[in-house]
């Protein structure tokens, strides 16, 4: 006796960035664009005939427009160009790097100066700085010391950075976010 699959067959879900092509376009009328084509609104059958006459595909570019915009092009070439554009955009994106500096509520003056120097270098290089005071055990009663230390830290770096987020307590840590004022010149 063969076992039956309790769920019926479902077609695989297409990627969100895939486009409808040729006979899969559902609109009655489409705005047609492409090379050697008069941009205008055409009935879907006429647009398909124009694409077939040139041995190309009809690709739905903007399905939410009224009427949807379709382009007469080679679909594989179109997909290649889309991937190429996405790759270029990804390469141009600026990645934000956040450097963390940790203090204790009883951090000594020499350690404070040492960490301040590091923060100065990070900001000069164009990185964001996340300074925090970590309260261990009963040191949580010294919250005001931590806040004073972070405000002093921000004040020492005010010529190079602006405060993105004022000190706030989150669990056992009090955070302060600093962003460089000018973009780095590389």
Protein backbone atom coordinates (compact mmCIF):
# COMPACT_ATOMS: atom_id res chain seq x y z
CA UNK A 1 0.00 0.00 0.00
CA UNK A 2 1.51 3.31 -1.09
CA UNK A 3 1.54 6.23 1.32
CA UNK A 4 -0.17 9.39 0.17
CA UNK A 5 1.30 12.79 0.69
CA UNK A 6 -1.22 14.69 2.86
CA UNK A 7 -0.28 18.06 1.33
CA UNK A 8 -1.13 18.80 -2.29
CA UNK A 9 1.58 19.85 -4.74
CA UNK A 10 2.48 23.53 -4.58
CA UNK A 11 4.45 25.37 -7.22
CA UNK A 12 7.74 26.76 -5.91
CA UNK A 13 7.59 30.41 -4.86
CA UNK A 14 9.47 32.72 -7.20
CA UNK A 15 12.03 35.20 -5.91
CA UNK A 16 10.62 38.64 -5.19
CA UNK A 17 12.96 40.25 -7.71
CA UNK A 18 11.88 38.03 -10.61
CA UNK A 19 9.86 39.69 -13.32
CA UNK A 20 6.88 38.39 -15.25
CA UNK A 21 7.65 37.78 -18.90
CA UNK A 22 5.67 37.21 -22.08
CA UNK A 23 2.44 35.23 -21.48
CA UNK A 24 2.72 35.50 -17.68
CA UNK A 25 1.92 39.23 -17.74
CA UNK A 26 -1.67 39.57 -16.50
CA UNK A 27 -2.54 43.18 -17.36
CA UNK A 28 -4.93 44.01 -20.22
CA UNK A 29 -2.94 47.08 -21.34
CA UNK A 30 0.76 47.86 -20.84
CA UNK A 31 3.02 50.87 -21.32
CA UNK A 32 5.68 49.65 -23.73
CA UNK A 33 9.31 50.88 -23.76
CA UNK A 34 12.48 49.61 -25.40
CA UNK A 35 14.84 50.18 -28.31
CA UNK A 36 13.25 50.90 -31.72
CA UNK A 37 9.79 51.11 -30.12
CA UNK A 38 7.39 54.01 -29.89
CA UNK A 39 6.73 54.41 -26.12
CA UNK A 40 2.96 54.17 -25.74
CA UNK A 41 0.16 52.19 -24.10
CA UNK A 42 -0.66 49.00 -26.03
CA UNK A 43 -3.04 46.07 -25.49
CA UNK A 44 -1.11 43.05 -24.17
CA UNK A 45 -1.59 40.99 -27.37
CA UNK A 46 -0.18 43.76 -29.55
CA UNK A 47 2.79 44.25 -27.18
CA UNK A 48 3.53 40.50 -27.30
CA UNK A 49 3.38 40.55 -31.11
CA UNK A 50 5.83 43.49 -31.22
CA UNK A 51 8.25 41.58 -28.96
CA UNK A 52 7.94 38.34 -30.98
CA UNK A 53 8.50 40.20 -34.24
CA UNK A 54 11.91 41.29 -32.92
CA UNK A 55 12.69 37.82 -31.43
CA UNK A 56 12.82 39.35 -27.94
CA UNK A 57 10.90 38.98 -24.67
CA UNK A 58 8.30 41.24 -23.12
CA UNK A 59 9.46 41.88 -19.53
CA UNK A 60 7.25 43.52 -16.90
CA UNK A 61 9.50 46.10 -15.25
CA UNK A 62 7.09 48.06 -13.07
CA UNK A 63 4.04 45.94 -12.20
CA UNK A 64 2.56 48.49 -9.74
CA UNK A 65 2.31 51.32 -12.29
CA UNK A 66 -0.99 52.03 -14.00
CA UNK A 67 -0.77 50.60 -16.65
CA UNK A 68 2.21 48.31 -15.89
CA UNK A 69 5.45 49.21 -17.67
CA UNK A 70 6.93 46.51 -19.91
CA UNK A 71 10.19 46.49 -21.83
CA UNK A 72 11.01 44.65 -25.03
CA UNK A 73 14.41 43.07 -24.40
CA UNK A 74 16.29 39.79 -24.17
CA UNK A 75 15.35 38.45 -20.71
CA UNK A 76 18.67 36.77 -19.93
CA UNK A 77 20.53 39.97 -20.87
CA UNK A 78 18.07 41.96 -18.74
CA UNK A 79 18.70 39.73 -15.69
CA UNK A 80 22.46 40.01 -16.19
CA UNK A 81 22.26 43.83 -16.26
CA UNK A 82 20.08 43.84 -13.10
CA UNK A 83 22.64 41.70 -11.23
CA UNK A 84 25.45 43.93 -12.47
CA UNK A 85 23.65 47.07 -11.20
CA UNK A 86 23.01 45.48 -7.79
CA UNK A 87 26.67 44.47 -7.52
CA UNK A 88 27.79 48.03 -8.31
CA UNK A 89 25.41 49.48 -5.73
CA UNK A 90 26.65 47.03 -3.12
CA UNK A 91 30.26 47.96 -3.86
CA UNK A 92 29.49 51.67 -3.45
CA UNK A 93 27.82 51.22 -0.06
CA UNK A 94 29.71 52.66 2.88
CA UNK A 95 29.99 50.21 5.73
CA UNK A 96 29.60 51.82 9.15
CA UNK A 97 32.11 50.46 11.64
CA UNK A 98 31.45 50.96 15.35
CA UNK A 99 34.39 50.79 17.72
CA UNK A 100 33.64 50.05 21.36
CA UNK A 101 35.45 51.50 24.36
CA UNK A 102 34.74 50.03 27.78
CA UNK A 103 35.04 51.80 31.10
CA UNK A 104 34.35 50.76 34.67
CA UNK A 105 32.74 53.16 37.15
CA UNK A 106 36.11 53.39 38.97
CA UNK A 107 38.36 53.78 35.90
CA UNK A 108 41.63 55.51 36.80
CA UNK A 109 42.66 58.81 35.17
CA UNK A 110 45.56 57.23 33.24
CA UNK A 111 43.30 54.50 31.79
CA UNK A 112 40.73 57.17 30.91
CA UNK A 113 43.36 59.21 29.02
CA UNK A 114 44.61 56.09 27.22
CA UNK A 115 41.06 55.20 26.05
CA UNK A 116 40.40 58.81 25.12
CA UNK A 117 43.46 58.73 22.84
CA UNK A 118 42.15 55.56 21.16
CA UNK A 119 38.71 57.12 20.65
CA UNK A 120 40.40 60.18 19.14
CA UNK A 121 42.15 57.95 16.59
CA UNK A 122 38.98 56.00 15.80
CA UNK A 123 37.03 59.21 15.14
CA UNK A 124 39.84 60.60 12.95
CA UNK A 125 39.64 57.40 10.87
CA UNK A 126 35.89 57.94 10.40
CA UNK A 127 34.58 55.21 12.71
CA UNK A 128 31.68 55.61 15.11
CA UNK A 129 32.56 55.16 18.78
CA UNK A 130 30.36 53.42 21.31
CA UNK A 131 31.65 54.16 24.79
CA UNK A 132 30.10 52.34 27.71
CA UNK A 133 30.51 51.94 31.43
CA UNK A 134 30.03 48.35 32.58
CA UNK A 135 28.70 48.00 36.10
CA UNK A 136 29.71 44.72 37.78
CA UNK A 137 28.02 43.50 40.94
CA UNK A 138 27.27 46.26 43.43
CA UNK A 139 28.95 49.00 41.38
CA UNK A 140 25.51 49.70 39.86
CA UNK A 141 25.00 52.14 42.78
CA UNK A 142 27.59 54.41 41.09
CA UNK A 143 25.39 55.19 38.06
CA UNK A 144 26.03 58.93 38.39
CA UNK A 145 29.82 58.33 38.26
CA UNK A 146 29.37 56.43 35.00
CA UNK A 147 27.20 59.17 33.51
CA UNK A 148 29.66 61.89 34.56
CA UNK A 149 32.54 59.90 33.02
CA UNK A 150 30.71 59.46 29.70
CA UNK A 151 29.72 63.15 29.53
CA UNK A 152 33.33 64.14 30.29
CA UNK A 153 34.42 61.73 27.54
CA UNK A 154 31.99 63.33 25.04
CA UNK A 155 33.09 66.82 26.04
CA UNK A 156 36.77 65.93 25.50
CA UNK A 157 35.95 64.74 21.96
CA UNK A 158 33.44 67.50 21.04
CA UNK A 159 35.77 69.11 18.45
CA UNK A 160 36.01 65.82 16.54
CA UNK A 161 32.65 64.15 17.20
CA UNK A 162 29.02 64.86 17.85
CA UNK A 163 26.93 62.95 20.36
CA UNK A 164 24.51 60.70 18.51
CA UNK A 165 22.94 59.28 21.63
CA UNK A 166 23.14 60.69 25.17
CA UNK A 167 24.15 58.31 27.99
CA UNK A 168 21.44 55.81 28.80
CA UNK A 169 21.40 52.81 31.07
CA UNK A 170 20.59 49.46 29.52
CA UNK A 171 20.90 46.54 31.90
CA UNK A 172 24.35 46.70 33.50
CA UNK A 173 25.80 49.06 30.88
CA UNK A 174 25.50 52.79 30.29
CA UNK A 175 26.05 53.70 26.62
CA UNK A 176 27.11 56.80 24.73
CA UNK A 177 27.29 56.93 20.90
CA UNK A 178 29.63 59.34 19.12
CA UNK A 179 29.74 60.04 15.38
CA UNK A 180 32.63 61.79 13.57
CA UNK A 181 31.75 65.35 12.49
CA UNK A 182 33.63 65.40 9.17
CA UNK A 183 33.95 62.51 6.77
CA UNK A 184 37.45 61.00 6.63
CA UNK A 185 39.71 61.92 3.73
CA UNK A 186 41.39 58.81 2.36
